[in-house]
Amino acid sequence: LVNPSSSSNRYTEDCWTWAAFYTG
């Protein structure tokens, strides 16, 4: 929650990388 992900540089936050995190 307090650290950005490498995917943040390539995808908007509501795309699948973050969406999969939200499920967890």
PDB file of all heavy atoms in Angstrom:
ATOM      1  N   LEU A   1       0.809  -1.212   0.000  1.00  0.00           N
ATOM      2  CA  LEU A   1       0.000   0.000   0.000  1.00  0.00           C
ATOM      3  C   LEU A   1       0.846   1.267   0.000  1.00  0.00           C
ATOM      4  O   LEU A   1       0.381   2.321  -0.462  1.00  0.00           O
ATOM      5  CB  LEU A   1      -0.951   0.001   1.203  1.00  0.00           C
ATOM      6  CG  LEU A   1      -2.176  -0.904   1.084  1.00  0.00           C
ATOM      7  CD1 LEU A   1      -2.945  -0.926   2.405  1.00  0.00           C
ATOM      8  CD2 LEU A   1      -3.097  -0.463  -0.051  1.00  0.00           C
ATOM      9  N   VAL A   2       2.067   1.181   0.494  1.00  0.00           N
ATOM     10  CA  VAL A   2       2.896   2.386   0.575  1.00  0.00           C
ATOM     11  C   VAL A   2       4.072   2.359  -0.390  1.00  0.00           C
ATOM     12  O   VAL A   2       4.878   3.284  -0.403  1.00  0.00           O
ATOM     13  CB  VAL A   2       3.417   2.612   2.011  1.00  0.00           C
ATOM     14  CG1 VAL A   2       2.252   2.808   2.966  1.00  0.00           C
ATOM     15  CG2 VAL A   2       4.297   1.462   2.474  1.00  0.00           C
ATOM     16  N   ASN A   3       4.172   1.318  -1.222  1.00  0.00           N
ATOM     17  CA  ASN A   3       5.281   1.231  -2.170  1.00  0.00           C
ATOM     18  C   ASN A   3       4.756   1.076  -3.592  1.00  0.00           C
ATOM     19  O   ASN A   3       3.937   0.195  -3.859  1.00  0.00           O
ATOM     20  CB  ASN A   3       6.176   0.033  -1.828  1.00  0.00           C
ATOM     21  CG  ASN A   3       7.049   0.299  -0.625  1.00  0.00           C
ATOM     22  OD1 ASN A   3       8.108   0.912  -0.730  1.00  0.00           O
ATOM     23  ND2 ASN A   3       6.580  -0.138   0.540  1.00  0.00           N
ATOM     24  N   PRO A   4       5.214   1.911  -4.503  1.00  0.00           N
ATOM     25  CA  PRO A   4       4.778   1.779  -5.897  1.00  0.00           C
ATOM     26  C   PRO A   4       5.321   0.502  -6.512  1.00  0.00           C
ATOM     27  O   PRO A   4       6.321  -0.055  -6.071  1.00  0.00           O
ATOM     28  CB  PRO A   4       5.373   3.020  -6.571  1.00  0.00           C
ATOM     29  CG  PRO A   4       6.563   3.342  -5.729  1.00  0.00           C
ATOM     30  CD  PRO A   4       6.183   2.987  -4.318  1.00  0.00           C
ATOM     31  N   SER A   5       4.634   0.036  -7.533  1.00  0.00           N
ATOM     32  CA  SER A   5       5.039  -1.180  -8.243  1.00  0.00           C
ATOM     33  C   SER A   5       5.662  -0.801  -9.570  1.00  0.00           C
ATOM     34  O   SER A   5       5.374   0.251 -10.140  1.00  0.00           O
ATOM     35  CB  SER A   5       3.821  -2.070  -8.484  1.00  0.00           C
ATOM     36  OG  SER A   5       4.078  -3.038  -9.463  1.00  0.00           O
ATOM     37  N   SER A   6       6.484  -1.709 -10.094  1.00  0.00           N
ATOM     38  CA  SER A   6       7.060  -1.467 -11.424  1.00  0.00           C
ATOM     39  C   SER A   6       5.968  -1.313 -12.468  1.00  0.00           C
ATOM     40  O   SER A   6       6.116  -0.595 -13.449  1.00  0.00           O
ATOM     41  CB  SER A   6       8.000  -2.610 -11.803  1.00  0.00           C
ATOM     42  OG  SER A   6       7.292  -3.844 -11.866  1.00  0.00           O
ATOM     43  N   SER A   7       4.840  -1.981 -12.261  1.00  0.00           N
ATOM     44  CA  SER A   7       3.759  -1.878 -13.248  1.00  0.00           C
ATOM     45  C   SER A   7       3.140  -0.484 -13.253  1.00  0.00           C
ATOM     46  O   SER A   7       2.481  -0.101 -14.211  1.00  0.00           O
ATOM     47  CB  SER A   7       2.680  -2.922 -12.956  1.00  0.00           C
ATOM     48  OG  SER A   7       2.063  -2.686 -11.706  1.00  0.00           O
ATOM     49  N   SER A   8       3.335   0.260 -12.162  1.00  0.00           N
ATOM     50  CA  SER A   8       2.769   1.610 -12.132  1.00  0.00           C
ATOM     51  C   SER A   8       3.360   2.497 -13.218  1.00  0.00           C
ATOM     52  O   SER A   8       2.759   3.483 -13.617  1.00  0.00           O
ATOM     53  CB  SER A   8       3.033   2.243 -10.755  1.00  0.00           C
ATOM     54  OG  SER A   8       2.462   1.480  -9.724  1.00  0.00           O
ATOM     55  N   ASN A   9       4.530   2.153 -13.693  1.00  0.00           N
ATOM     56  CA  ASN A   9       5.168   2.952 -14.729  1.00  0.00           C
ATOM     57  C   ASN A   9       4.628   2.644 -16.117  1.00  0.00           C
ATOM     58  O   ASN A   9       4.903   3.368 -17.059  1.00  0.00           O
ATOM     59  CB  ASN A   9       6.684   2.696 -14.710  1.00  0.00           C
ATOM     60  CG  ASN A   9       7.309   3.087 -13.386  1.00  0.00           C
ATOM     61  OD1 ASN A   9       6.917   4.073 -12.794  1.00  0.00           O
ATOM     62  ND2 ASN A   9       8.275   2.303 -12.930  1.00  0.00           N
ATOM     63  N   ARG A  10       3.849   1.553 -16.225  1.00  0.00           N
ATOM     64  CA  ARG A  10       3.420   1.117 -17.543  1.00  0.00           C
ATOM     65  C   ARG A  10       1.901   1.073 -17.693  1.00  0.00           C
ATOM     66  O   ARG A  10       1.392   1.047 -18.801  1.00  0.00           O
ATOM     67  CB  ARG A  10       3.971  -0.286 -17.835  1.00  0.00           C
ATOM     68  CG  ARG A  10       5.493  -0.370 -17.856  1.00  0.00           C
ATOM     69  CD  ARG A  10       5.947  -1.787 -18.103  1.00  0.00           C
ATOM     70  NE  ARG A  10       5.401  -2.294 -19.349  1.00  0.00           N
ATOM     71  CZ  ARG A  10       5.431  -3.573 -19.697  1.00  0.00           C
ATOM     72  NH1 ARG A  10       5.968  -4.459 -18.901  1.00  0.00           N
ATOM     73  NH2 ARG A  10       4.918  -3.972 -20.840  1.00  0.00           N
ATOM     74  N   TYR A  11       1.186   1.012 -16.597  1.00  0.00           N
ATOM     75  CA  TYR A  11      -0.253   0.827 -16.664  1.00  0.00           C
ATOM     76  C   TYR A  11      -0.942   1.815 -15.734  1.00  0.00           C
ATOM     77  O   TYR A  11      -0.402   2.205 -14.719  1.00  0.00           O
ATOM     78  CB  TYR A  11      -0.638  -0.599 -16.238  1.00  0.00           C
ATOM     79  CG  TYR A  11      -0.079  -1.669 -17.134  1.00  0.00           C
ATOM     80  CD1 TYR A  11       1.169  -2.237 -16.874  1.00  0.00           C
ATOM     81  CD2 TYR A  11      -0.784  -2.111 -18.245  1.00  0.00           C
ATOM     82  CE1 TYR A  11       1.699  -3.211 -17.699  1.00  0.00           C
ATOM     83  CE2 TYR A  11      -0.259  -3.080 -19.078  1.00  0.00           C
ATOM     84  CZ  TYR A  11       0.973  -3.628 -18.799  1.00  0.00           C
ATOM     85  OH  TYR A  11       1.497  -4.591 -19.617  1.00  0.00           O
ATOM     86  N   THR A  12      -2.149   2.179 -16.077  1.00  0.00           N
ATOM     87  CA  THR A  12      -2.937   2.966 -15.154  1.00  0.00           C
ATOM     88  C   THR A  12      -3.314   2.089 -13.969  1.00  0.00           C
ATOM     89  O   THR A  12      -3.406   0.874 -14.080  1.00  0.00           O
ATOM     90  CB  THR A  12      -4.219   3.467 -15.847  1.00  0.00           C
ATOM     91  OG1 THR A  12      -4.945   2.352 -16.358  1.00  0.00           O
ATOM     92  CG2 THR A  12      -3.883   4.428 -16.967  1.00  0.00           C
ATOM     93  N   GLU A  13      -3.564   2.732 -12.840  1.00  0.00           N
ATOM     94  CA  GLU A  13      -3.722   1.984 -11.601  1.00  0.00           C
ATOM     95  C   GLU A  13      -4.952   1.088 -11.607  1.00  0.00           C
ATOM     96  O   GLU A  13      -5.052   0.154 -10.820  1.00  0.00           O
ATOM     97  CB  GLU A  13      -3.782   2.951 -10.418  1.00  0.00           C
ATOM     98  CG  GLU A  13      -3.629   2.271  -9.076  1.00  0.00           C
ATOM     99  CD  GLU A  13      -3.689   3.250  -7.930  1.00  0.00           C
ATOM    100  OE1 GLU A  13      -3.791   4.462  -8.184  1.00  0.00           O
ATOM    101  OE2 GLU A  13      -3.644   2.796  -6.792  1.00  0.00           O
ATOM    102  N   ASP A  14      -5.915   1.360 -12.468  1.00  0.00           N
ATOM    103  CA  ASP A  14      -7.115   0.535 -12.459  1.00  0.00           C
ATOM    104  C   ASP A  14      -7.019  -0.624 -13.440  1.00  0.00           C
ATOM    105  O   ASP A  14      -8.005  -1.308 -13.687  1.00  0.00           O
ATOM    106  CB  ASP A  14      -8.355   1.377 -12.774  1.00  0.00           C
ATOM    107  CG  ASP A  14      -8.277   2.074 -14.128  1.00  0.00           C
ATOM    108  OD1 ASP A  14      -7.161   2.307 -14.616  1.00  0.00           O
ATOM    109  OD2 ASP A  14      -9.330   2.398 -14.670  1.00  0.00           O
ATOM    110  N   CYS A  15      -5.846  -0.857 -14.037  1.00  0.00           N
ATOM    111  CA  CYS A  15      -5.716  -1.958 -14.978  1.00  0.00           C
ATOM    112  C   CYS A  15      -5.462  -3.255 -14.227  1.00  0.00           C
ATOM    113  O   CYS A  15      -5.434  -3.310 -13.008  1.00  0.00           O
ATOM    114  CB  CYS A  15      -4.618  -1.649 -15.987  1.00  0.00           C
ATOM    115  SG  CYS A  15      -4.777  -2.593 -17.520  1.00  0.00           S
ATOM    116  N   TRP A  16      -5.220  -4.331 -14.972  1.00  0.00           N
ATOM    117  CA  TRP A  16      -5.262  -5.670 -14.385  1.00  0.00           C
ATOM    118  C   TRP A  16      -4.228  -5.904 -13.301  1.00  0.00           C
ATOM    119  O   TRP A  16      -4.484  -6.667 -12.360  1.00  0.00           O
ATOM    120  CB  TRP A  16      -5.110  -6.716 -15.484  1.00  0.00           C
ATOM    121  CG  TRP A  16      -3.740  -6.781 -16.108  1.00  0.00           C
ATOM    122  CD1 TRP A  16      -3.300  -6.116 -17.205  1.00  0.00           C
ATOM    123  CD2 TRP A  16      -2.639  -7.564 -15.657  1.00  0.00           C
ATOM    124  NE1 TRP A  16      -1.994  -6.426 -17.468  1.00  0.00           N
ATOM    125  CE2 TRP A  16      -1.565  -7.323 -16.539  1.00  0.00           C
ATOM    126  CE3 TRP A  16      -2.451  -8.465 -14.598  1.00  0.00           C
ATOM    127  CZ2 TRP A  16      -0.324  -7.938 -16.393  1.00  0.00           C
ATOM    128  CZ3 TRP A  16      -1.216  -9.073 -14.451  1.00  0.00           C
ATOM    129  CH2 TRP A  16      -0.169  -8.809 -15.344  1.00  0.00           C
ATOM    130  N   THR A  17      -3.054  -5.277 -13.395  1.00  0.00           N
ATOM    131  CA  THR A  17      -2.027  -5.537 -12.385  1.00  0.00           C
ATOM    132  C   THR A  17      -2.513  -5.124 -11.007  1.00  0.00           C
ATOM    133  O   THR A  17      -2.415  -5.885 -10.040  1.00  0.00           O
ATOM    134  CB  THR A  17      -0.732  -4.784 -12.733  1.00  0.00           C
ATOM    135  OG1 THR A  17      -1.010  -3.399 -12.901  1.00  0.00           O
ATOM    136  CG2 THR A  17      -0.107  -5.332 -14.001  1.00  0.00           C
ATOM    137  N   TRP A  18      -3.060  -3.915 -10.932  1.00  0.00           N
ATOM    138  CA  TRP A  18      -3.599  -3.445  -9.665  1.00  0.00           C
ATOM    139  C   TRP A  18      -4.909  -4.139  -9.327  1.00  0.00           C
ATOM    140  O   TRP A  18      -5.200  -4.409  -8.151  1.00  0.00           O
ATOM    141  CB  TRP A  18      -3.782  -1.930  -9.705  1.00  0.00           C
ATOM    142  CG  TRP A  18      -2.493  -1.205  -9.502  1.00  0.00           C
ATOM    143  CD1 TRP A  18      -1.631  -0.756 -10.470  1.00  0.00           C
ATOM    144  CD2 TRP A  18      -1.882  -0.875  -8.258  1.00  0.00           C
ATOM    145  NE1 TRP A  18      -0.532  -0.169  -9.908  1.00  0.00           N
ATOM    146  CE2 TRP A  18      -0.654  -0.220  -8.542  1.00  0.00           C
ATOM    147  CE3 TRP A  18      -2.246  -1.067  -6.929  1.00  0.00           C
ATOM    148  CZ2 TRP A  18       0.194   0.246  -7.551  1.00  0.00           C
ATOM    149  CZ3 TRP A  18      -1.396  -0.605  -5.935  1.00  0.00           C
ATOM    150  CH2 TRP A  18      -0.201   0.037  -6.247  1.00  0.00           C
ATOM    151  N   ALA A  19      -5.727  -4.427 -10.327  1.00  0.00           N
ATOM    152  CA  ALA A  19      -7.005  -5.084 -10.065  1.00  0.00           C
ATOM    153  C   ALA A  19      -6.806  -6.448  -9.421  1.00  0.00           C
ATOM    154  O   ALA A  19      -7.581  -6.857  -8.549  1.00  0.00           O
ATOM    155  CB  ALA A  19      -7.801  -5.214 -11.365  1.00  0.00           C
ATOM    156  N   ALA A  20      -5.764  -7.169  -9.844  1.00  0.00           N
ATOM    157  CA  ALA A  20      -5.468  -8.455  -9.209  1.00  0.00           C
ATOM    158  C   ALA A  20      -5.057  -8.253  -7.754  1.00  0.00           C
ATOM    159  O   ALA A  20      -5.409  -9.065  -6.881  1.00  0.00           O
ATOM    160  CB  ALA A  20      -4.370  -9.174  -9.981  1.00  0.00           C
ATOM    161  N   PHE A  21      -4.306  -7.194  -7.483  1.00  0.00           N
ATOM    162  CA  PHE A  21      -3.967  -6.872  -6.095  1.00  0.00           C
ATOM    163  C   PHE A  21      -5.220  -6.593  -5.284  1.00  0.00           C
ATOM    164  O   PHE A  21      -5.355  -7.041  -4.138  1.00  0.00           O
ATOM    165  CB  PHE A  21      -3.030  -5.672  -6.063  1.00  0.00           C
ATOM    166  CG  PHE A  21      -2.844  -5.062  -4.702  1.00  0.00           C
ATOM    167  CD1 PHE A  21      -2.271  -5.792  -3.670  1.00  0.00           C
ATOM    168  CD2 PHE A  21      -3.246  -3.756  -4.446  1.00  0.00           C
ATOM    169  CE1 PHE A  21      -2.098  -5.231  -2.405  1.00  0.00           C
ATOM    170  CE2 PHE A  21      -3.070  -3.188  -3.197  1.00  0.00           C
ATOM    171  CZ  PHE A  21      -2.501  -3.928  -2.172  1.00  0.00           C
ATOM    172  N   TYR A  22      -6.164  -5.850  -5.867  1.00  0.00           N
ATOM    173  CA  TYR A  22      -7.382  -5.525  -5.135  1.00  0.00           C
ATOM    174  C   TYR A  22      -8.143  -6.785  -4.702  1.00  0.00           C
ATOM    175  O   TYR A  22      -8.739  -6.808  -3.624  1.00  0.00           O
ATOM    176  CB  TYR A  22      -8.308  -4.655  -5.983  1.00  0.00           C
ATOM    177  CG  TYR A  22      -7.729  -3.348  -6.455  1.00  0.00           C
ATOM    178  CD1 TYR A  22      -8.172  -2.757  -7.646  1.00  0.00           C
ATOM    179  CD2 TYR A  22      -6.732  -2.684  -5.738  1.00  0.00           C
ATOM    180  CE1 TYR A  22      -7.654  -1.555  -8.094  1.00  0.00           C
ATOM    181  CE2 TYR A  22      -6.207  -1.480  -6.190  1.00  0.00           C
ATOM    182  CZ  TYR A  22      -6.667  -0.923  -7.370  1.00  0.00           C
ATOM    183  OH  TYR A  22      -6.153   0.259  -7.821  1.00  0.00           O
ATOM    184  N   THR A  23      -8.141  -7.828  -5.545  1.00  0.00           N
ATOM    185  CA  THR A  23      -8.856  -9.057  -5.158  1.00  0.00           C
ATOM    186  C   THR A  23      -8.250  -9.636  -3.882  1.00  0.00           C
ATOM    187  O   THR A  23      -8.978 -10.110  -3.003  1.00  0.00           O
ATOM    188  CB  THR A  23      -8.817 -10.111  -6.275  1.00  0.00           C
ATOM    189  OG1 THR A  23      -7.479 -10.579  -6.479  1.00  0.00           O
ATOM    190  CG2 THR A  23      -9.386  -9.576  -7.582  1.00  0.00           C
ATOM    191  N   GLY A  24      -6.919  -9.603  -3.789  1.00  0.00           N
ATOM    192  CA  GLY A  24      -6.274 -10.113  -2.586  1.00  0.00           C
ATOM    193  C   GLY A  24      -6.476  -9.202  -1.395  1.00  0.00           C
ATOM    194  O   GLY A  24      -6.681  -9.671  -0.262  1.00  0.00           O
TER     195      GLY A  24
END
